[in-house]
PDB file of N, CA and C in Angstrom:
ATOM      1  N   MET A   1     -26.840  12.104 -45.116  1.00  0.00           N
ATOM      2  CA  MET A   1     -26.033  13.128 -44.699  1.00  0.00           C
ATOM      3  C   MET A   1     -26.099  12.997 -43.373  1.00  0.00           C
ATOM      4  N   ASN A   2     -27.583  13.322 -42.980  1.00  0.00           N
ATOM      5  CA  ASN A   2     -28.297  13.630 -41.738  1.00  0.00           C
ATOM      6  C   ASN A   2     -27.790  12.358 -40.997  1.00  0.00           C
ATOM      7  N   ASP A   3     -27.902  11.179 -41.356  1.00  0.00           N
ATOM      8  CA  ASP A   3     -27.512   9.646 -40.532  1.00  0.00           C
ATOM      9  C   ASP A   3     -25.988   9.611 -40.330  1.00  0.00           C
ATOM     10  N   THR A   4     -25.186  10.136 -41.301  1.00  0.00           N
ATOM     11  CA  THR A   4     -23.785   9.962 -40.851  1.00  0.00           C
ATOM     12  C   THR A   4     -23.615  11.230 -39.828  1.00  0.00           C
ATOM     13  N   LYS A   5     -24.022  12.053 -39.542  1.00  0.00           N
ATOM     14  CA  LYS A   5     -23.944  13.405 -38.826  1.00  0.00           C
ATOM     15  C   LYS A   5     -24.521  12.231 -37.139  1.00  0.00           C
ATOM     16  N   THR A   6     -25.597  12.000 -37.281  1.00  0.00           N
ATOM     17  CA  THR A   6     -26.283  11.390 -36.152  1.00  0.00           C
ATOM     18  C   THR A   6     -25.023  10.125 -35.666  1.00  0.00           C
ATOM     19  N   CYS A   7     -24.642   9.418 -36.770  1.00  0.00           N
ATOM     20  CA  CYS A   7     -23.707   8.132 -36.221  1.00  0.00           C
ATOM     21  C   CYS A   7     -22.671   8.809 -35.396  1.00  0.00           C
ATOM     22  N   VAL A   8     -21.414   9.849 -36.340  1.00  0.00           N
ATOM     23  CA  VAL A   8     -20.542  10.348 -35.543  1.00  0.00           C
ATOM     24  C   VAL A   8     -20.836  10.799 -34.313  1.00  0.00           C
ATOM     25  N   ALA A   9     -22.089  11.748 -34.013  1.00  0.00           N
ATOM     26  CA  ALA A   9     -22.126  12.248 -32.784  1.00  0.00           C
ATOM     27  C   ALA A   9     -22.644  11.081 -31.644  1.00  0.00           C
ATOM     28  N   ASN A  10     -23.281   9.965 -32.145  1.00  0.00           N
ATOM     29  CA  ASN A  10     -23.215   8.903 -31.321  1.00  0.00           C
ATOM     30  C   ASN A  10     -22.162   8.046 -30.833  1.00  0.00           C
ATOM     31  N   HIS A  11     -21.211   8.010 -31.802  1.00  0.00           N
ATOM     32  CA  HIS A  11     -20.014   7.524 -31.385  1.00  0.00           C
ATOM     33  C   HIS A  11     -19.041   8.020 -30.628  1.00  0.00           C
ATOM     34  N   ILE A  12     -19.128   9.548 -30.456  1.00  0.00           N
ATOM     35  CA  ILE A  12     -18.388  10.599 -29.816  1.00  0.00           C
ATOM     36  C   ILE A  12     -19.104  10.359 -28.609  1.00  0.00           C
ATOM     37  N   ALA A  13     -20.443  10.136 -28.473  1.00  0.00           N
ATOM     38  CA  ALA A  13     -20.658  10.496 -27.219  1.00  0.00           C
ATOM     39  C   ALA A  13     -20.617   9.030 -26.586  1.00  0.00           C
ATOM     40  N   GLY A  14     -20.676   8.342 -26.744  1.00  0.00           N
ATOM     41  CA  GLY A  14     -19.949   6.704 -26.365  1.00  0.00           C
ATOM     42  C   GLY A  14     -18.477   6.894 -25.882  1.00  0.00           C
ATOM     43  N   ILE A  15     -17.571   7.298 -26.912  1.00  0.00           N
ATOM     44  CA  ILE A  15     -16.237   7.390 -26.300  1.00  0.00           C
ATOM     45  C   ILE A  15     -15.978   8.445 -24.816  1.00  0.00           C
ATOM     46  N   LEU A  16     -17.101   9.513 -25.030  1.00  0.00           N
ATOM     47  CA  LEU A  16     -16.424   9.950 -23.984  1.00  0.00           C
ATOM     48  C   LEU A  16     -17.394   9.319 -22.581  1.00  0.00           C
ATOM     49  N   ALA A  17     -18.326   9.216 -22.824  1.00  0.00           N
ATOM     50  CA  ALA A  17     -19.032   8.399 -21.714  1.00  0.00           C
ATOM     51  C   ALA A  17     -18.212   7.278 -21.251  1.00  0.00           C
ATOM     52  N   ALA A  18     -17.789   6.439 -22.247  1.00  0.00           N
ATOM     53  CA  ALA A  18     -16.504   5.040 -21.417  1.00  0.00           C
ATOM     54  C   ALA A  18     -15.495   5.996 -21.215  1.00  0.00           C
ATOM     55  N   GLY A  19     -15.056   7.410 -21.280  1.00  0.00           N
ATOM     56  CA  GLY A  19     -13.719   7.624 -20.558  1.00  0.00           C
ATOM     57  C   GLY A  19     -13.945   8.174 -19.071  1.00  0.00           C
ATOM     58  N   ALA A  20     -15.213   8.643 -19.033  1.00  0.00           N
ATOM     59  CA  ALA A  20     -15.726   9.145 -18.015  1.00  0.00           C
ATOM     60  C   ALA A  20     -15.921   7.950 -17.066  1.00  0.00           C
ATOM     61  N   LEU A  21     -16.212   6.548 -17.493  1.00  0.00           N
ATOM     62  CA  LEU A  21     -16.704   5.413 -16.430  1.00  0.00           C
ATOM     63  C   LEU A  21     -15.358   4.901 -15.985  1.00  0.00           C
ATOM     64  N   LEU A  22     -14.076   5.017 -16.740  1.00  0.00           N
ATOM     65  CA  LEU A  22     -13.220   4.910 -16.418  1.00  0.00           C
ATOM     66  C   LEU A  22     -12.317   5.818 -15.788  1.00  0.00           C
ATOM     67  N   ALA A  23     -12.255   6.766 -15.817  1.00  0.00           N
ATOM     68  CA  ALA A  23     -12.006   7.933 -15.174  1.00  0.00           C
ATOM     69  C   ALA A  23     -12.565   7.563 -13.357  1.00  0.00           C
ATOM     70  N   ALA A  24     -13.683   7.351 -13.134  1.00  0.00           N
ATOM     71  CA  ALA A  24     -14.449   7.298 -12.270  1.00  0.00           C
ATOM     72  C   ALA A  24     -13.825   5.870 -11.501  1.00  0.00           C
ATOM     73  N   GLY A  25     -13.709   4.665 -12.238  1.00  0.00           N
ATOM     74  CA  GLY A  25     -13.580   4.006 -11.887  1.00  0.00           C
ATOM     75  C   GLY A  25     -11.854   3.823 -11.162  1.00  0.00           C
ATOM     76  N   GLN A  26     -11.036   4.425 -11.847  1.00  0.00           N
ATOM     77  CA  GLN A  26      -9.527   4.911 -11.307  1.00  0.00           C
ATOM     78  C   GLN A  26      -9.621   5.562 -10.045  1.00  0.00           C
ATOM     79  N   ALA A  27     -10.322   6.309  -9.929  1.00  0.00           N
ATOM     80  CA  ALA A  27     -10.676   7.543  -9.009  1.00  0.00           C
ATOM     81  C   ALA A  27     -10.854   6.552  -7.490  1.00  0.00           C
ATOM     82  N   GLN A  28     -11.747   5.299  -7.768  1.00  0.00           N
ATOM     83  CA  GLN A  28     -12.246   4.703  -6.091  1.00  0.00           C
ATOM     84  C   GLN A  28     -11.379   3.722  -6.127  1.00  0.00           C
ATOM     85  N   ALA A  29     -10.349   3.358  -6.941  1.00  0.00           N
ATOM     86  CA  ALA A  29      -9.136   2.136  -6.980  1.00  0.00           C
ATOM     87  C   ALA A  29      -8.167   2.589  -5.796  1.00  0.00           C
ATOM     88  N   VAL A  30      -7.768   3.905  -5.483  1.00  0.00           N
ATOM     89  CA  VAL A  30      -6.968   4.405  -4.405  1.00  0.00           C
ATOM     90  C   VAL A  30      -7.124   4.534  -2.932  1.00  0.00           C
ATOM     91  N   PRO A  31      -6.571   3.610  -2.521  1.00  0.00           N
ATOM     92  CA  PRO A  31      -7.387   3.849  -0.687  1.00  0.00           C
ATOM     93  C   PRO A  31      -6.618   5.086  -0.312  1.00  0.00           C
ATOM     94  N   ASP A  32      -6.956   5.439   0.686  1.00  0.00           N
ATOM     95  CA  ASP A  32      -7.041   6.519   1.894  1.00  0.00           C
ATOM     96  C   ASP A  32      -5.496   6.155   2.210  1.00  0.00           C
ATOM     97  N   ALA A  33      -4.524   7.237   2.501  1.00  0.00           N
ATOM     98  CA  ALA A  33      -3.356   7.443   3.132  1.00  0.00           C
ATOM     99  C   ALA A  33      -3.640   7.022   4.045  1.00  0.00           C
ATOM    100  N   PRO A  34      -2.282   5.998   5.093  1.00  0.00           N
ATOM    101  CA  PRO A  34      -2.735   6.017   6.495  1.00  0.00           C
ATOM    102  C   PRO A  34      -2.165   7.240   7.119  1.00  0.00           C
ATOM    103  N   THR A  35      -2.626   7.510   7.969  1.00  0.00           N
ATOM    104  CA  THR A  35      -2.389   8.707   9.145  1.00  0.00           C
ATOM    105  C   THR A  35      -1.130   8.175  10.022  1.00  0.00           C
ATOM    106  N   ALA A  36      -0.722   7.404  10.462  1.00  0.00           N
ATOM    107  CA  ALA A  36       0.208   6.779  11.073  1.00  0.00           C
ATOM    108  C   ALA A  36       0.620   5.552  10.537  1.00  0.00           C
ATOM    109  N   TRP A  37       1.989   5.358  10.994  1.00  0.00           N
ATOM    110  CA  TRP A  37       2.793   3.782  10.634  1.00  0.00           C
ATOM    111  C   TRP A  37       3.175   3.380  12.274  1.00  0.00           C
ATOM    112  N   GLU A  38       3.031   2.035  11.977  1.00  0.00           N
ATOM    113  CA  GLU A  38       3.974   1.634  13.187  1.00  0.00           C
ATOM    114  C   GLU A  38       4.643   0.666  12.729  1.00  0.00           C
ATOM    115  N   LYS A  39       5.821   0.345  13.811  1.00  0.00           N
ATOM    116  CA  LYS A  39       7.058  -0.274  13.664  1.00  0.00           C
ATOM    117  C   LYS A  39       6.023  -1.908  13.812  1.00  0.00           C
ATOM    118  N   CYS A  40       6.239  -2.646  13.262  1.00  0.00           N
ATOM    119  CA  CYS A  40       5.642  -4.217  13.415  1.00  0.00           C
ATOM    120  C   CYS A  40       7.002  -5.210  13.426  1.00  0.00           C
ATOM    121  N   ALA A  41       7.107  -5.822  14.514  1.00  0.00           N
ATOM    122  CA  ALA A  41       7.988  -6.645  15.033  1.00  0.00           C
ATOM    123  C   ALA A  41       7.611  -8.022  14.802  1.00  0.00           C
ATOM    124  N   GLY A  42       8.605  -9.227  14.117  1.00  0.00           N
ATOM    125  CA  GLY A  42       7.996 -10.272  13.856  1.00  0.00           C
ATOM    126  C   GLY A  42       7.406 -10.833  12.383  1.00  0.00           C
ATOM    127  N   ILE A  43       7.350 -10.176  11.806  1.00  0.00           N
ATOM    128  CA  ILE A  43       6.643 -10.556  10.665  1.00  0.00           C
ATOM    129  C   ILE A  43       7.663 -10.456   9.243  1.00  0.00           C
ATOM    130  N   ALA A  44       9.133  -9.528   9.283  1.00  0.00           N
ATOM    131  CA  ALA A  44       9.710  -9.313   8.505  1.00  0.00           C
ATOM    132  C   ALA A  44       9.837 -10.658   7.451  1.00  0.00           C
ATOM    133  N   LYS A  45      10.084 -10.388   6.643  1.00  0.00           N
ATOM    134  CA  LYS A  45      10.552 -12.011   5.841  1.00  0.00           C
ATOM    135  C   LYS A  45      12.209 -11.765   5.741  1.00  0.00           C
ATOM    136  N   GLN A  46      13.122 -12.742   5.419  1.00  0.00           N
ATOM    137  CA  GLN A  46      14.594 -12.738   5.640  1.00  0.00           C
ATOM    138  C   GLN A  46      14.734 -11.396   4.188  1.00  0.00           C
ATOM    139  N   GLY A  47      16.083 -10.590   4.454  1.00  0.00           N
ATOM    140  CA  GLY A  47      16.173  -9.649   3.899  1.00  0.00           C
ATOM    141  C   GLY A  47      15.522  -8.528   3.446  1.00  0.00           C
ATOM    142  N   MET A  48      13.787  -8.499   4.441  1.00  0.00           N
ATOM    143  CA  MET A  48      12.879  -7.454   3.978  1.00  0.00           C
ATOM    144  C   MET A  48      12.414  -6.540   4.727  1.00  0.00           C
ATOM    145  N   ASN A  49      13.181  -6.846   6.218  1.00  0.00           N
ATOM    146  CA  ASN A  49      13.378  -5.530   7.470  1.00  0.00           C
ATOM    147  C   ASN A  49      13.342  -4.242   6.903  1.00  0.00           C
ATOM    148  N   ASP A  50      13.049  -3.378   7.454  1.00  0.00           N
ATOM    149  CA  ASP A  50      13.121  -1.921   7.571  1.00  0.00           C
ATOM    150  C   ASP A  50      13.956  -1.259   8.519  1.00  0.00           C
ATOM    151  N   CYS A  51      14.992  -1.104   8.091  1.00  0.00           N
ATOM    152  CA  CYS A  51      16.299  -0.534   8.970  1.00  0.00           C
ATOM    153  C   CYS A  51      16.674  -1.298  10.258  1.00  0.00           C
ATOM    154  N   GLY A  52      17.148  -0.883  10.969  1.00  0.00           N
ATOM    155  CA  GLY A  52      17.945  -1.891  12.194  1.00  0.00           C
ATOM    156  C   GLY A  52      17.176  -2.706  13.164  1.00  0.00           C
ATOM    157  N   ALA A  53      17.565  -3.851  13.596  1.00  0.00           N
ATOM    158  CA  ALA A  53      17.047  -4.751  14.397  1.00  0.00           C
ATOM    159  C   ALA A  53      16.774  -3.692  16.192  1.00  0.00           C
ATOM    160  N   LEU A  54      15.738  -4.373  16.643  1.00  0.00           N
ATOM    161  CA  LEU A  54      15.233  -3.740  17.725  1.00  0.00           C
ATOM    162  C   LEU A  54      16.534  -3.898  19.014  1.00  0.00           C
ATOM    163  N   ASP A  55      16.838  -4.928  18.831  1.00  0.00           N
ATOM    164  CA  ASP A  55      18.008  -5.518  19.565  1.00  0.00           C
ATOM    165  C   ASP A  55      19.375  -5.110  19.223  1.00  0.00           C
ATOM    166  N   GLY A  56      19.693  -4.150  18.377  1.00  0.00           N
ATOM    167  CA  GLY A  56      20.923  -3.212  17.961  1.00  0.00           C
ATOM    168  C   GLY A  56      22.177  -4.249  17.045  1.00  0.00           C
ATOM    169  N   LYS A  57      21.662  -5.542  17.253  1.00  0.00           N
ATOM    170  CA  LYS A  57      22.496  -6.262  16.473  1.00  0.00           C
ATOM    171  C   LYS A  57      23.142  -5.818  14.981  1.00  0.00           C
ATOM    172  N   HIS A  58      22.202  -4.824  14.210  1.00  0.00           N
ATOM    173  CA  HIS A  58      22.369  -4.569  12.741  1.00  0.00           C
ATOM    174  C   HIS A  58      21.500  -3.012  12.804  1.00  0.00           C
ATOM    175  N   ALA A  59      22.548  -2.124  11.830  1.00  0.00           N
ATOM    176  CA  ALA A  59      21.928  -1.002  11.941  1.00  0.00           C
ATOM    177  C   ALA A  59      21.177  -0.638  10.389  1.00  0.00           C
ATOM    178  N   CYS A  60      20.750  -1.816   9.766  1.00  0.00           N
ATOM    179  CA  CYS A  60      20.552  -1.392   8.231  1.00  0.00           C
ATOM    180  C   CYS A  60      18.980  -2.587   7.963  1.00  0.00           C
ATOM    181  N   ALA A  61      18.626  -1.802   6.946  1.00  0.00           N
ATOM    182  CA  ALA A  61      17.672  -2.348   6.194  1.00  0.00           C
ATOM    183  C   ALA A  61      18.006  -3.545   5.446  1.00  0.00           C
ATOM    184  N   GLY A  62      17.297  -4.985   5.451  1.00  0.00           N
ATOM    185  CA  GLY A  62      17.425  -5.935   4.580  1.00  0.00           C
ATOM    186  C   GLY A  62      18.178  -6.764   5.131  1.00  0.00           C
ATOM    187  N   GLN A  63      18.647  -6.473   6.530  1.00  0.00           N
ATOM    188  CA  GLN A  63      19.813  -7.512   6.863  1.00  0.00           C
ATOM    189  C   GLN A  63      18.880  -8.858   7.771  1.00  0.00           C
ATOM    190  N   ALA A  64      17.846  -8.896   8.111  1.00  0.00           N
ATOM    191  CA  ALA A  64      16.865 -10.036   8.754  1.00  0.00           C
ATOM    192  C   ALA A  64      17.468 -11.268   7.884  1.00  0.00           C
ATOM    193  N   LYS A  65      18.247 -11.903   9.094  1.00  0.00           N
ATOM    194  CA  LYS A  65      18.410 -13.365   8.453  1.00  0.00           C
ATOM    195  C   LYS A  65      17.779 -14.549   8.487  1.00  0.00           C
ATOM    196  N   ALA A  66      16.528 -14.444   8.897  1.00  0.00           N
ATOM    197  CA  ALA A  66      15.220 -15.434   8.785  1.00  0.00           C
ATOM    198  C   ALA A  66      13.612 -14.951   8.702  1.00  0.00           C
ATOM    199  N   ASP A  67      13.213 -15.482   8.219  1.00  0.00           N
ATOM    200  CA  ASP A  67      11.488 -14.890   8.320  1.00  0.00           C
ATOM    201  C   ASP A  67      11.252 -15.013   9.797  1.00  0.00           C
ATOM    202  N   GLY A  68      10.377 -13.698  10.044  1.00  0.00           N
ATOM    203  CA  GLY A  68       9.880 -14.157  11.125  1.00  0.00           C
ATOM    204  C   GLY A  68      10.439 -13.798  12.546  1.00  0.00           C
ATOM    205  N   GLU A  69      11.772 -13.288  12.724  1.00  0.00           N
ATOM    206  CA  GLU A  69      12.336 -12.930  13.797  1.00  0.00           C
ATOM    207  C   GLU A  69      11.953 -11.802  14.465  1.00  0.00           C
ATOM    208  N   PRO A  70      11.718 -12.068  15.869  1.00  0.00           N
ATOM    209  CA  PRO A  70      11.256 -11.219  17.134  1.00  0.00           C
ATOM    210  C   PRO A  70      11.889 -10.071  16.832  1.00  0.00           C
ATOM    211  N   THR A  71      13.095  -9.643  16.470  1.00  0.00           N
ATOM    212  CA  THR A  71      13.678  -8.380  16.860  1.00  0.00           C
ATOM    213  C   THR A  71      13.822  -7.525  15.188  1.00  0.00           C
ATOM    214  N   GLU A  72      13.438  -8.037  14.129  1.00  0.00           N
ATOM    215  CA  GLU A  72      13.147  -7.825  12.837  1.00  0.00           C
ATOM    216  C   GLU A  72      11.746  -6.890  12.889  1.00  0.00           C
ATOM    217  N   TRP A  73      11.725  -5.948  12.256  1.00  0.00           N
ATOM    218  CA  TRP A  73      10.398  -5.152  11.663  1.00  0.00           C
ATOM    219  C   TRP A  73      10.059  -4.681  10.763  1.00  0.00           C
ATOM    220  N   VAL A  74       9.048  -4.218  10.363  1.00  0.00           N
ATOM    221  CA  VAL A  74       9.008  -3.534   8.618  1.00  0.00           C
ATOM    222  C   VAL A  74       7.682  -2.431   9.715  1.00  0.00           C
ATOM    223  N   TYR A  75       7.853  -1.236   8.828  1.00  0.00           N
ATOM    224  CA  TYR A  75       6.434  -0.677   8.996  1.00  0.00           C
ATOM    225  C   TYR A  75       5.139  -0.893   8.113  1.00  0.00           C
ATOM    226  N   VAL A  76       3.875  -0.454   9.034  1.00  0.00           N
ATOM    227  CA  VAL A  76       2.585  -1.125   8.070  1.00  0.00           C
ATOM    228  C   VAL A  76       1.915   0.236   8.628  1.00  0.00           C
ATOM    229  N   PRO A  77       0.309   0.025   8.087  1.00  0.00           N
ATOM    230  CA  PRO A  77      -0.176   1.161   8.181  1.00  0.00           C
ATOM    231  C   PRO A  77      -0.869   0.756  10.096  1.00  0.00           C
ATOM    232  N   GLU A  78      -0.840   2.195  10.501  1.00  0.00           N
ATOM    233  CA  GLU A  78      -1.210   1.859  12.504  1.00  0.00           C
ATOM    234  C   GLU A  78      -2.473   1.161  12.426  1.00  0.00           C
ATOM    235  N   GLY A  79      -2.387   0.320  13.689  1.00  0.00           N
ATOM    236  CA  GLY A  79      -3.497  -0.900  13.565  1.00  0.00           C
ATOM    237  C   GLY A  79      -3.732  -2.145  12.459  1.00  0.00           C
ATOM    238  N   THR A  80      -3.015  -2.169  11.870  1.00  0.00           N
ATOM    239  CA  THR A  80      -2.396  -3.492  11.187  1.00  0.00           C
ATOM    240  C   THR A  80      -1.816  -4.440  11.861  1.00  0.00           C
ATOM    241  N   CYS A  81      -0.563  -4.070  12.504  1.00  0.00           N
ATOM    242  CA  CYS A  81       0.174  -5.114  12.727  1.00  0.00           C
ATOM    243  C   CYS A  81      -0.369  -5.913  13.946  1.00  0.00           C
ATOM    244  N   THR A  82      -1.176  -5.920  14.841  1.00  0.00           N
ATOM    245  CA  THR A  82      -1.894  -6.689  15.332  1.00  0.00           C
ATOM    246  C   THR A  82      -2.884  -7.465  15.090  1.00  0.00           C
ATOM    247  N   LYS A  83      -3.219  -7.443  13.632  1.00  0.00           N
ATOM    248  CA  LYS A  83      -4.184  -8.236  12.847  1.00  0.00           C
ATOM    249  C   LYS A  83      -2.930  -9.403  12.176  1.00  0.00           C
ATOM    250  N   ILE A  84      -2.004  -9.255  12.417  1.00  0.00           N
ATOM    251  CA  ILE A  84      -1.188 -10.154  11.410  1.00  0.00           C
ATOM    252  C   ILE A  84      -0.577 -11.040  12.340  1.00  0.00           C
ATOM    253  N   VAL A  85      -0.654 -12.631  11.889  1.00  0.00           N
ATOM    254  CA  VAL A  85      -0.002 -13.650  12.995  1.00  0.00           C
ATOM    255  C   VAL A  85       1.636 -13.117  13.341  1.00  0.00           C
ATOM    256  N   GLY A  86       1.474 -13.393  14.570  1.00  0.00           N
ATOM    257  CA  GLY A  86       3.108 -13.012  15.387  1.00  0.00           C
ATOM    258  C   GLY A  86       3.292 -11.731  14.914  1.00  0.00           C
ATOM    259  N   GLY A  87       2.726 -10.608  14.669  1.00  0.00           N
ATOM    260  CA  GLY A  87       2.955  -9.102  14.515  1.00  0.00           C
ATOM    261  C   GLY A  87       2.964  -8.105  15.819  1.00  0.00           C
ATOM    262  N   THR A  88       3.993  -8.129  16.509  1.00  0.00           N
ATOM    263  CA  THR A  88       3.875  -6.888  17.795  1.00  0.00           C
ATOM    264  C   THR A  88       4.654  -5.665  17.615  1.00  0.00           C
ATOM    265  N   VAL A  89       3.445  -4.732  17.823  1.00  0.00           N
ATOM    266  CA  VAL A  89       3.845  -3.145  17.568  1.00  0.00           C
ATOM    267  C   VAL A  89       4.837  -2.955  18.547  1.00  0.00           C
ATOM    268  N   ALA A  90       6.220  -2.475  18.131  1.00  0.00           N
ATOM    269  CA  ALA A  90       7.239  -2.064  18.475  1.00  0.00           C
ATOM    270  C   ALA A  90       6.962  -0.096  18.890  1.00  0.00           C
ATOM    271  N   ALA A  91       6.524   0.406  17.639  1.00  0.00           N
ATOM    272  CA  ALA A  91       6.490   1.832  18.040  1.00  0.00           C
ATOM    273  C   ALA A  91       5.727   2.277  17.136  1.00  0.00           C
ATOM    274  N   THR A  92       5.083   3.649  17.119  1.00  0.00           N
ATOM    275  CA  THR A  92       4.228   4.375  16.039  1.00  0.00           C
ATOM    276  C   THR A  92       4.850   5.388  15.866  1.00  0.00           C
ATOM    277  N   LYS A  93       4.704   6.078  14.381  1.00  0.00           N
ATOM    278  CA  LYS A  93       5.203   7.335  13.774  1.00  0.00           C
ATOM    279  C   LYS A  93       3.904   8.110  13.454  1.00  0.00           C
ATOM    280  N   PRO A  94       3.745   9.396  13.269  1.00  0.00           N
ATOM    281  CA  PRO A  94       2.811   9.945  12.293  1.00  0.00           C
ATOM    282  C   PRO A  94       3.323   9.753  10.606  1.00  0.00           C
ATOM    283  N   ALA A  95       2.487   9.841  10.024  1.00  0.00           N
ATOM    284  CA  ALA A  95       2.728   9.813   8.485  1.00  0.00           C
ATOM    285  C   ALA A  95       3.009  11.075   8.011  1.00  0.00           C
ATOM    286  N   LYS A  96       4.145  11.621   6.907  1.00  0.00           N
ATOM    287  CA  LYS A  96       4.287  12.447   6.636  1.00  0.00           C
ATOM    288  C   LYS A  96       3.180  13.574   5.740  1.00  0.00           C
TER     289      LYS A  96
END
C-alpha cells in the first residue's frame, strides 16, 4: 500500500515538473515586440508589398510587379532595414 502511494506521488511530481519546464520554455520563445516600425523599400517580393508604392503608381498592398523594386516597401522592425541587402529606410512610425 505504501509503495503505491509513493509511486503515485512520484508520477504526479514528475508531471508537474514537466509542465513547469514546458511553460518556462514557451515563455522564453516569444521575442520582444518592436517599439517602432520602418518602411523598408527595395526588399518586397512580387505581390507582397505593404500598401501603395512610394512613387504613387498604385495605392494598394500586393501590387508589386517584381521582386526588389525600389518603390515597393514592407514594414519591418526599426533598425532592421539597413541590415537587409537592398533595403532603404523610407519612413519610421511608432508601434501601437
